[in-house]
């Protein structure tokens, strides 16, 4: 059954604060359906926009939205109040889920029939992502610039373009475990930089 697209009339994101979103995520982690309902109402339009941009098909985005919220419900306990916006975490869940859909489709129908290279490469922030990260974008760019060039490139390719650890290890000609270490340490450095 397909989830109904978010109703703009119900979307209360402009009224929801960061504290509201964090409280609702914490409630969802504890199984509070009312908190989860509030979270959906406040964020569904943005996450639908993310899904629509990545998938390029309204029906697929509607189907994906339902699965995205199932993931959020099951993994709400993984969100930690860490200085980053809860909407950024939610958008990342949505984006990663949609990239997984594209990868599965590519594997099923064969690479020659999918325009996936263009689609996957075009995951740089669009209008909805810019709105989500408006206050954080400059800080993130500044912090990425503080990383060594190769590490910064690896982070960008992993988290903005969806490249796997294996693809990155091959691209940078390093062992797989080294790439994992690069990304883990880079994310720690980014977190520390963003918390300053």
C-alpha atoms as a PDB file:
ATOM      1  CA  UNK A   1       0.000   0.000   0.000  1.00  0.00           C
ATOM      2  CA  UNK A   2       1.373   3.378  -1.023  1.00  0.00           C
ATOM      3  CA  UNK A   3       1.744   6.118   1.565  1.00  0.00           C
ATOM      4  CA  UNK A   4      -0.196   9.228   0.726  1.00  0.00           C
ATOM      5  CA  UNK A   5       2.033  12.146  -0.203  1.00  0.00           C
ATOM      6  CA  UNK A   6       2.412  14.654   2.579  1.00  0.00           C
ATOM      7  CA  UNK A   7      -0.319  17.232   2.728  1.00  0.00           C
ATOM      8  CA  UNK A   8       1.103  20.738   2.726  1.00  0.00           C
ATOM      9  CA  UNK A   9      -1.812  21.831   4.898  1.00  0.00           C
ATOM     10  CA  UNK A  10      -0.686  19.432   7.627  1.00  0.00           C
ATOM     11  CA  UNK A  11       2.970  20.323   7.365  1.00  0.00           C
ATOM     12  CA  UNK A  12       3.840  22.234  10.498  1.00  0.00           C
ATOM     13  CA  UNK A  13       7.601  22.401  10.082  1.00  0.00           C
ATOM     14  CA  UNK A  14       7.574  26.173  10.322  1.00  0.00           C
ATOM     15  CA  UNK A  15       6.054  25.755  13.792  1.00  0.00           C
ATOM     16  CA  UNK A  16       8.311  22.890  14.887  1.00  0.00           C
ATOM     17  CA  UNK A  17      11.566  23.804  16.566  1.00  0.00           C
ATOM     18  CA  UNK A  18      14.737  21.780  16.696  1.00  0.00           C
ATOM     19  CA  UNK A  19      13.864  20.900  20.301  1.00  0.00           C
ATOM     20  CA  UNK A  20      10.433  19.661  19.139  1.00  0.00           C
ATOM     21  CA  UNK A  21      12.017  17.428  16.504  1.00  0.00           C
ATOM     22  CA  UNK A  22      14.555  16.047  18.991  1.00  0.00           C
ATOM     23  CA  UNK A  23      11.815  15.415  21.569  1.00  0.00           C
ATOM     24  CA  UNK A  24       9.652  13.628  18.981  1.00  0.00           C
ATOM     25  CA  UNK A  25      12.592  11.514  17.816  1.00  0.00           C
ATOM     26  CA  UNK A  26      13.318  10.570  21.431  1.00  0.00           C
ATOM     27  CA  UNK A  27       9.644   9.689  21.902  1.00  0.00           C
ATOM     28  CA  UNK A  28       9.630   7.592  18.741  1.00  0.00           C
ATOM     29  CA  UNK A  29      12.729   5.763  20.017  1.00  0.00           C
ATOM     30  CA  UNK A  30      10.658   4.824  23.083  1.00  0.00           C
ATOM     31  CA  UNK A  31       7.714   3.658  20.949  1.00  0.00           C
ATOM     32  CA  UNK A  32       5.543   6.780  21.400  1.00  0.00           C
ATOM     33  CA  UNK A  33       3.232   6.752  18.364  1.00  0.00           C
ATOM     34  CA  UNK A  34       1.892  10.245  19.058  1.00  0.00           C
ATOM     35  CA  UNK A  35       5.419  11.674  19.049  1.00  0.00           C
ATOM     36  CA  UNK A  36       6.112   9.825  15.810  1.00  0.00           C
ATOM     37  CA  UNK A  37       2.917  11.271  14.308  1.00  0.00           C
ATOM     38  CA  UNK A  38       4.052  14.773  15.201  1.00  0.00           C
ATOM     39  CA  UNK A  39       7.461  14.050  13.689  1.00  0.00           C
ATOM     40  CA  UNK A  40       5.816  12.847  10.465  1.00  0.00           C
ATOM     41  CA  UNK A  41       3.567  15.895  10.241  1.00  0.00           C
ATOM     42  CA  UNK A  42       6.517  18.232  10.747  1.00  0.00           C
ATOM     43  CA  UNK A  43       8.947  16.571   8.327  1.00  0.00           C
ATOM     44  CA  UNK A  44       7.090  14.566   5.668  1.00  0.00           C
ATOM     45  CA  UNK A  45       7.012  17.339   3.068  1.00  0.00           C
ATOM     46  CA  UNK A  46      10.776  17.829   3.265  1.00  0.00           C
ATOM     47  CA  UNK A  47      11.549  14.118   3.155  1.00  0.00           C
ATOM     48  CA  UNK A  48       9.127  13.638   0.276  1.00  0.00           C
ATOM     49  CA  UNK A  49      11.029  16.389  -1.564  1.00  0.00           C
ATOM     50  CA  UNK A  50      14.320  14.575  -0.950  1.00  0.00           C
ATOM     51  CA  UNK A  51      12.846  11.290  -2.225  1.00  0.00           C
ATOM     52  CA  UNK A  52      11.299  12.934  -5.271  1.00  0.00           C
ATOM     53  CA  UNK A  53      14.551  14.648  -6.205  1.00  0.00           C
ATOM     54  CA  UNK A  54      16.632  11.459  -5.915  1.00  0.00           C
ATOM     55  CA  UNK A  55      14.117   9.089  -7.529  1.00  0.00           C
ATOM     56  CA  UNK A  56      12.615  11.504 -10.063  1.00  0.00           C
ATOM     57  CA  UNK A  57       9.258   9.718  -9.964  1.00  0.00           C
ATOM     58  CA  UNK A  58       6.334  10.800  -7.786  1.00  0.00           C
ATOM     59  CA  UNK A  59       4.824   7.320  -7.337  1.00  0.00           C
ATOM     60  CA  UNK A  60       8.199   5.840  -6.385  1.00  0.00           C
ATOM     61  CA  UNK A  61       8.830   8.745  -4.003  1.00  0.00           C
ATOM     62  CA  UNK A  62       5.452   8.149  -2.332  1.00  0.00           C
ATOM     63  CA  UNK A  63       6.255   4.451  -1.893  1.00  0.00           C
ATOM     64  CA  UNK A  64       9.734   5.276  -0.636  1.00  0.00           C
ATOM     65  CA  UNK A  65       8.372   7.765   1.905  1.00  0.00           C
ATOM     66  CA  UNK A  66       6.466   4.998   3.677  1.00  0.00           C
ATOM     67  CA  UNK A  67       9.610   2.851   3.868  1.00  0.00           C
ATOM     68  CA  UNK A  68      11.672   5.842   5.004  1.00  0.00           C
ATOM     69  CA  UNK A  69       9.378   6.428   7.978  1.00  0.00           C
ATOM     70  CA  UNK A  70       9.472   2.729   8.845  1.00  0.00           C
ATOM     71  CA  UNK A  71      13.282   3.050   8.982  1.00  0.00           C
ATOM     72  CA  UNK A  72      13.018   6.196  11.078  1.00  0.00           C
ATOM     73  CA  UNK A  73      10.620   4.465  13.491  1.00  0.00           C
ATOM     74  CA  UNK A  74      12.944   1.470  13.821  1.00  0.00           C
ATOM     75  CA  UNK A  75      16.136   3.530  14.104  1.00  0.00           C
ATOM     76  CA  UNK A  76      15.026   6.613  16.026  1.00  0.00           C
ATOM     77  CA  UNK A  77      17.214   5.498  18.919  1.00  0.00           C
ATOM     78  CA  UNK A  78      20.269   5.967  16.663  1.00  0.00           C
ATOM     79  CA  UNK A  79      19.747   9.715  16.454  1.00  0.00           C
ATOM     80  CA  UNK A  80      21.808  11.415  19.097  1.00  0.00           C
ATOM     81  CA  UNK A  81      21.691  15.054  20.065  1.00  0.00           C
ATOM     82  CA  UNK A  82      25.135  15.831  18.690  1.00  0.00           C
ATOM     83  CA  UNK A  83      25.018  19.427  17.565  1.00  0.00           C
ATOM     84  CA  UNK A  84      23.670  18.526  14.142  1.00  0.00           C
ATOM     85  CA  UNK A  85      20.121  19.230  13.087  1.00  0.00           C
ATOM     86  CA  UNK A  86      17.614  16.393  13.473  1.00  0.00           C
ATOM     87  CA  UNK A  87      16.206  17.277  10.035  1.00  0.00           C
ATOM     88  CA  UNK A  88      19.660  16.685   8.563  1.00  0.00           C
ATOM     89  CA  UNK A  89      19.694  13.197  10.101  1.00  0.00           C
ATOM     90  CA  UNK A  90      16.173  12.516   8.778  1.00  0.00           C
ATOM     91  CA  UNK A  91      17.079  13.765   5.293  1.00  0.00           C
ATOM     92  CA  UNK A  92      20.159  11.528   5.309  1.00  0.00           C
ATOM     93  CA  UNK A  93      18.000   8.496   6.137  1.00  0.00           C
ATOM     94  CA  UNK A  94      15.689   9.439   3.251  1.00  0.00           C
ATOM     95  CA  UNK A  95      18.479  10.077   0.779  1.00  0.00           C
ATOM     96  CA  UNK A  96      20.334   6.862   1.626  1.00  0.00           C
ATOM     97  CA  UNK A  97      17.150   4.820   1.294  1.00  0.00           C
ATOM     98  CA  UNK A  98      16.482   6.300  -2.155  1.00  0.00           C
ATOM     99  CA  UNK A  99      20.066   5.684  -3.282  1.00  0.00           C
ATOM    100  CA  UNK A 100      19.629   2.050  -2.213  1.00  0.00           C
ATOM    101  CA  UNK A 101      16.489   1.866  -4.375  1.00  0.00           C
ATOM    102  CA  UNK A 102      18.408   3.211  -7.385  1.00  0.00           C
ATOM    103  CA  UNK A 103      21.229   0.731  -6.811  1.00  0.00           C
ATOM    104  CA  UNK A 104      18.782  -2.184  -6.596  1.00  0.00           C
ATOM    105  CA  UNK A 105      17.102  -1.037  -9.807  1.00  0.00           C
ATOM    106  CA  UNK A 106      20.473  -0.748 -11.525  1.00  0.00           C
ATOM    107  CA  UNK A 107      21.360  -4.293 -10.477  1.00  0.00           C
ATOM    108  CA  UNK A 108      17.978  -5.660 -11.615  1.00  0.00           C
ATOM    109  CA  UNK A 109      17.752  -4.138 -15.085  1.00  0.00           C
ATOM    110  CA  UNK A 110      21.412  -3.783 -15.931  1.00  0.00           C
ATOM    111  CA  UNK A 111      23.583  -0.764 -16.106  1.00  0.00           C
ATOM    112  CA  UNK A 112      22.981  -0.040 -19.795  1.00  0.00           C
ATOM    113  CA  UNK A 113      19.250   0.566 -19.279  1.00  0.00           C
ATOM    114  CA  UNK A 114      19.579   2.921 -16.315  1.00  0.00           C
ATOM    115  CA  UNK A 115      20.611   6.577 -16.455  1.00  0.00           C
ATOM    116  CA  UNK A 116      21.956   6.017 -12.948  1.00  0.00           C
ATOM    117  CA  UNK A 117      25.393   7.583 -13.349  1.00  0.00           C
ATOM    118  CA  UNK A 118      23.859  10.999 -13.945  1.00  0.00           C
ATOM    119  CA  UNK A 119      21.200  10.463 -11.308  1.00  0.00           C
ATOM    120  CA  UNK A 120      23.591   9.320  -8.579  1.00  0.00           C
ATOM    121  CA  UNK A 121      26.138  12.015  -9.362  1.00  0.00           C
ATOM    122  CA  UNK A 122      23.432  14.699  -9.205  1.00  0.00           C
ATOM    123  CA  UNK A 123      22.856  14.295  -5.495  1.00  0.00           C
ATOM    124  CA  UNK A 124      24.508  17.579  -4.623  1.00  0.00           C
ATOM    125  CA  UNK A 125      22.219  19.661  -2.449  1.00  0.00           C
ATOM    126  CA  UNK A 126      19.194  20.984  -4.331  1.00  0.00           C
ATOM    127  CA  UNK A 127      16.632  23.535  -3.205  1.00  0.00           C
ATOM    128  CA  UNK A 128      15.125  21.329  -0.491  1.00  0.00           C
ATOM    129  CA  UNK A 129      18.526  20.326   0.854  1.00  0.00           C
ATOM    130  CA  UNK A 130      19.624  23.956   0.843  1.00  0.00           C
ATOM    131  CA  UNK A 131      16.559  24.847   2.895  1.00  0.00           C
ATOM    132  CA  UNK A 132      17.293  22.000   5.317  1.00  0.00           C
ATOM    133  CA  UNK A 133      20.931  22.908   5.763  1.00  0.00           C
ATOM    134  CA  UNK A 134      20.639  26.679   5.412  1.00  0.00           C
ATOM    135  CA  UNK A 135      22.181  27.461   8.771  1.00  0.00           C
ATOM    136  CA  UNK A 136      24.722  24.641   8.653  1.00  0.00           C
ATOM    137  CA  UNK A 137      25.979  24.787   5.070  1.00  0.00           C
ATOM    138  CA  UNK A 138      28.736  27.361   5.529  1.00  0.00           C
ATOM    139  CA  UNK A 139      30.004  25.691   8.692  1.00  0.00           C
ATOM    140  CA  UNK A 140      30.117  22.298   6.973  1.00  0.00           C
ATOM    141  CA  UNK A 141      31.971  23.705   3.955  1.00  0.00           C
ATOM    142  CA  UNK A 142      34.455  25.480   6.232  1.00  0.00           C
ATOM    143  CA  UNK A 143      35.009  22.323   8.270  1.00  0.00           C
ATOM    144  CA  UNK A 144      35.464  20.163   5.149  1.00  0.00           C
ATOM    145  CA  UNK A 145      38.113  22.642   3.996  1.00  0.00           C
ATOM    146  CA  UNK A 146      40.038  21.983   7.229  1.00  0.00           C
ATOM    147  CA  UNK A 147      40.405  18.300   6.324  1.00  0.00           C
ATOM    148  CA  UNK A 148      43.264  17.016   4.175  1.00  0.00           C
ATOM    149  CA  UNK A 149      42.162  17.253   0.503  1.00  0.00           C
ATOM    150  CA  UNK A 150      41.922  13.472  -0.065  1.00  0.00           C
ATOM    151  CA  UNK A 151      39.886  12.954   3.110  1.00  0.00           C
ATOM    152  CA  UNK A 152      37.570  15.824   2.253  1.00  0.00           C
ATOM    153  CA  UNK A 153      37.025  14.357  -1.213  1.00  0.00           C
ATOM    154  CA  UNK A 154      36.355  10.899   0.251  1.00  0.00           C
ATOM    155  CA  UNK A 155      33.760  12.305   2.681  1.00  0.00           C
ATOM    156  CA  UNK A 156      32.049  14.243  -0.120  1.00  0.00           C
ATOM    157  CA  UNK A 157      31.954  11.197  -2.397  1.00  0.00           C
ATOM    158  CA  UNK A 158      30.705   8.904   0.380  1.00  0.00           C
ATOM    159  CA  UNK A 159      28.012  11.102   1.879  1.00  0.00           C
ATOM    160  CA  UNK A 160      26.933  13.333  -0.994  1.00  0.00           C
ATOM    161  CA  UNK A 161      27.442  11.055  -3.965  1.00  0.00           C
ATOM    162  CA  UNK A 162      26.734   7.688  -2.334  1.00  0.00           C
ATOM    163  CA  UNK A 163      29.982   5.899  -3.209  1.00  0.00           C
ATOM    164  CA  UNK A 164      30.640   2.748  -1.199  1.00  0.00           C
ATOM    165  CA  UNK A 165      33.709   2.109   0.954  1.00  0.00           C
ATOM    166  CA  UNK A 166      34.953  -0.363  -1.665  1.00  0.00           C
ATOM    167  CA  UNK A 167      34.545   2.148  -4.500  1.00  0.00           C
ATOM    168  CA  UNK A 168      36.358   4.797  -2.479  1.00  0.00           C
ATOM    169  CA  UNK A 169      39.181   2.426  -1.515  1.00  0.00           C
ATOM    170  CA  UNK A 170      39.700   1.613  -5.198  1.00  0.00           C
ATOM    171  CA  UNK A 171      39.495   5.281  -6.228  1.00  0.00           C
ATOM    172  CA  UNK A 172      42.100   6.383  -3.656  1.00  0.00           C
ATOM    173  CA  UNK A 173      44.152   3.169  -3.979  1.00  0.00           C
ATOM    174  CA  UNK A 174      44.076   2.341  -0.271  1.00  0.00           C
ATOM    175  CA  UNK A 175      42.961  -0.800   1.609  1.00  0.00           C
ATOM    176  CA  UNK A 176      39.287  -1.003   2.543  1.00  0.00           C
ATOM    177  CA  UNK A 177      39.990  -0.746   6.289  1.00  0.00           C
ATOM    178  CA  UNK A 178      42.124   2.341   5.676  1.00  0.00           C
ATOM    179  CA  UNK A 179      39.203   3.984   3.878  1.00  0.00           C
ATOM    180  CA  UNK A 180      36.899   3.148   6.783  1.00  0.00           C
ATOM    181  CA  UNK A 181      39.427   4.736   9.149  1.00  0.00           C
ATOM    182  CA  UNK A 182      39.712   7.834   6.933  1.00  0.00           C
ATOM    183  CA  UNK A 183      35.963   8.333   6.936  1.00  0.00           C
ATOM    184  CA  UNK A 184      35.507   7.618  10.651  1.00  0.00           C
ATOM    185  CA  UNK A 185      38.294  10.012  11.651  1.00  0.00           C
ATOM    186  CA  UNK A 186      37.099  12.632   9.173  1.00  0.00           C
ATOM    187  CA  UNK A 187      33.578  12.496  10.601  1.00  0.00           C
ATOM    188  CA  UNK A 188      34.960  12.844  14.129  1.00  0.00           C
ATOM    189  CA  UNK A 189      37.001  15.870  13.012  1.00  0.00           C
ATOM    190  CA  UNK A 190      33.925  17.359  11.307  1.00  0.00           C
ATOM    191  CA  UNK A 191      31.816  16.841  14.418  1.00  0.00           C
ATOM    192  CA  UNK A 192      34.448  18.527  16.580  1.00  0.00           C
ATOM    193  CA  UNK A 193      34.772  21.396  14.110  1.00  0.00           C
ATOM    194  CA  UNK A 194      30.985  21.894  13.942  1.00  0.00           C
ATOM    195  CA  UNK A 195      30.709  21.939  17.727  1.00  0.00           C
ATOM    196  CA  UNK A 196      33.146  24.876  18.051  1.00  0.00           C
END
